[in-house]
Amino acid sequence: MTARIARHRSRTMLAILCSLALTACHAHDPSRSATSGRLAVGDVISHDELVASGATSLRDALVRTRRHFFTPRGRSSINNPPSDAILVFHDGAVMGTLTVLDMLRPTDVRAVRRIGVTETYHRYGRNVSVGGLEVELVIDR
């Protein structure tokens, strides 16, 4: 009888460990990270999605489709607001800050990709606390 109880306990323990491991893997899923304050690598908005938003400026289209792109950081930004603005990049160069998005139409943009702080530094050599947006124009095709 004790051997049967020991097997049952080990199976129960295995089931608990597997469920904890699956929960941890799900919590670490990169596709979910953009909504939790961190940014997912490759979080791209396509031309079709931007145009379908019905907005007249790129900023309005982004607000309608990916409002979290404008969240500078996670929960700590309430206490410590960022000292710099989100940068907009095009073709390897800085276009400016978010005000540039008001001058672009969604129909002129092929894709927009949100990049994090580390990637902004490594790709563009810019040390910012909020990351950036990479804009690819239709004429770049």
Protein backbone atom coordinates (compact mmCIF):
# COMPACT_ATOMS: atom_id res chain seq x y z
CA MET A 1 0.00 0.00 0.00
CA THR A 2 2.85 2.43 0.77
CA ALA A 3 4.43 1.85 -2.65
CA ARG A 4 1.12 2.78 -4.27
CA ILE A 5 0.91 5.99 -2.22
CA ALA A 6 4.52 6.86 -3.11
CA ARG A 7 3.76 6.41 -6.84
CA HIS A 8 0.66 8.54 -6.52
CA ARG A 9 2.62 11.31 -4.76
CA SER A 10 5.37 11.26 -7.38
CA ARG A 11 2.81 11.45 -10.20
CA THR A 12 1.04 14.31 -8.46
CA MET A 13 4.33 16.12 -7.97
CA LEU A 14 5.23 15.60 -11.63
CA ALA A 15 1.86 16.99 -12.74
CA ILE A 16 2.33 20.06 -10.53
CA LEU A 17 5.86 20.68 -11.83
CA CYS A 18 4.74 20.33 -15.46
CA SER A 19 1.87 22.77 -14.96
CA LEU A 20 4.24 25.28 -13.31
CA ALA A 21 6.71 24.92 -16.17
CA LEU A 22 3.99 25.49 -18.77
CA THR A 23 2.74 28.54 -16.88
CA ALA A 24 6.27 29.96 -16.79
CA CYS A 25 6.72 29.36 -20.53
CA HIS A 26 3.40 31.03 -21.29
CA ALA A 27 4.30 34.05 -19.14
CA HIS A 28 7.60 34.39 -21.03
CA ASP A 29 5.93 34.23 -24.47
CA PRO A 30 7.43 37.13 -26.49
CA SER A 31 4.18 37.75 -28.36
CA ARG A 32 2.51 38.63 -25.06
CA SER A 33 5.28 40.90 -23.82
CA ALA A 34 4.17 44.04 -25.67
CA THR A 35 1.05 44.31 -23.56
CA SER A 36 2.91 43.80 -20.30
CA GLY A 37 5.18 46.84 -20.68
CA ARG A 38 8.06 45.24 -22.55
CA LEU A 39 8.24 45.23 -26.30
CA ALA A 40 8.13 42.21 -28.50
CA VAL A 41 10.84 41.87 -31.09
CA GLY A 42 9.38 42.17 -34.57
CA ASP A 43 6.13 43.82 -33.51
CA VAL A 44 5.31 45.22 -36.95
CA ILE A 45 2.25 47.00 -38.31
CA SER A 46 1.68 46.44 -42.01
CA HIS A 47 0.57 48.90 -44.68
CA ASP A 48 -2.82 47.22 -44.97
CA GLU A 49 -3.52 47.50 -41.26
CA LEU A 50 -2.49 51.16 -41.20
CA VAL A 51 -4.71 52.04 -44.15
CA ALA A 52 -7.63 50.02 -42.73
CA SER A 53 -7.54 52.14 -39.57
CA GLY A 54 -9.10 55.01 -41.54
CA ALA A 55 -6.77 57.58 -39.98
CA THR A 56 -5.40 60.57 -41.88
CA SER A 57 -2.00 60.69 -40.16
CA LEU A 58 0.41 57.94 -39.26
CA ARG A 59 0.27 58.90 -35.59
CA ASP A 60 -3.53 58.50 -35.52
CA ALA A 61 -3.26 55.16 -37.32
CA LEU A 62 -0.73 53.91 -34.77
CA VAL A 63 -2.84 55.09 -31.86
CA ARG A 64 -5.84 53.25 -33.29
CA THR A 65 -3.98 50.03 -34.03
CA ARG A 66 -1.14 49.83 -31.47
CA ARG A 67 -1.72 52.27 -28.62
CA HIS A 68 0.95 50.48 -26.55
CA PHE A 69 3.64 51.71 -28.98
CA PHE A 70 3.40 55.09 -27.26
CA THR A 71 3.85 53.71 -23.76
CA PRO A 72 7.38 54.81 -22.95
CA ARG A 73 8.04 52.19 -20.29
CA GLY A 74 6.38 49.83 -17.89
CA ARG A 75 4.71 50.59 -14.60
CA SER A 76 7.66 52.64 -13.30
CA SER A 77 6.95 55.46 -15.78
CA ILE A 78 4.24 56.80 -13.46
CA ASN A 79 6.83 57.58 -10.80
CA ASN A 80 9.78 58.31 -13.08
CA PRO A 81 8.72 59.78 -16.42
CA PRO A 82 11.27 59.37 -19.21
CA SER A 83 13.65 62.24 -19.84
CA ASP A 84 13.62 61.82 -23.63
CA ALA A 85 11.12 61.18 -26.40
CA ILE A 86 10.50 58.14 -28.58
CA LEU A 87 12.65 58.50 -31.69
CA VAL A 88 11.47 57.78 -35.25
CA PHE A 89 13.97 56.16 -37.64
CA HIS A 90 13.90 55.74 -41.39
CA ASP A 91 16.53 54.07 -43.54
CA GLY A 92 19.15 54.04 -40.78
CA ALA A 93 18.76 57.69 -39.80
CA VAL A 94 16.82 59.62 -37.17
CA MET A 95 13.78 61.40 -38.62
CA GLY A 96 12.90 63.05 -35.32
CA THR A 97 10.45 62.46 -32.50
CA LEU A 98 6.77 61.53 -32.63
CA THR A 99 5.81 64.85 -34.25
CA VAL A 100 7.20 63.44 -37.51
CA LEU A 101 4.36 60.91 -37.52
CA ASP A 102 1.81 63.72 -37.94
CA MET A 103 3.36 64.60 -41.32
CA LEU A 104 3.14 61.08 -42.78
CA ARG A 105 0.03 59.48 -44.24
CA PRO A 106 -0.72 55.79 -43.60
CA THR A 107 -0.91 55.21 -47.37
CA ASP A 108 2.74 56.31 -47.72
CA VAL A 109 4.02 53.82 -45.15
CA ARG A 110 4.83 50.19 -45.89
CA ALA A 111 5.41 49.14 -42.26
CA VAL A 112 6.14 50.45 -38.77
CA ARG A 113 8.11 48.50 -36.20
CA ARG A 114 8.50 49.35 -32.51
CA ILE A 115 12.03 48.74 -31.24
CA GLY A 116 13.20 48.66 -27.66
CA VAL A 117 15.90 50.60 -25.88
CA THR A 118 18.65 48.03 -26.39
CA GLU A 119 17.95 47.58 -30.07
CA THR A 120 17.82 51.36 -30.56
CA TYR A 121 21.27 51.63 -29.05
CA HIS A 122 22.79 48.71 -30.99
CA ARG A 123 21.31 49.60 -34.38
CA TYR A 124 21.51 53.39 -34.29
CA GLY A 125 23.97 54.23 -31.52
CA ARG A 126 21.32 56.28 -29.73
CA ASN A 127 21.12 56.01 -25.96
CA VAL A 128 17.47 56.67 -25.11
CA SER A 129 15.31 55.45 -22.27
CA VAL A 130 12.22 54.80 -24.38
CA GLY A 131 13.25 53.14 -27.66
CA GLY A 132 11.98 54.04 -31.08
CA LEU A 133 9.89 53.39 -34.16
CA GLU A 134 11.29 52.23 -37.49
CA VAL A 135 9.27 53.52 -40.43
CA GLU A 136 9.56 51.94 -43.87
CA LEU A 137 8.02 54.03 -46.64
CA VAL A 138 6.26 52.67 -49.72
CA ILE A 139 8.86 54.29 -51.99
CA ASP A 140 11.53 52.08 -50.34
CA ARG A 141 10.22 48.93 -52.06
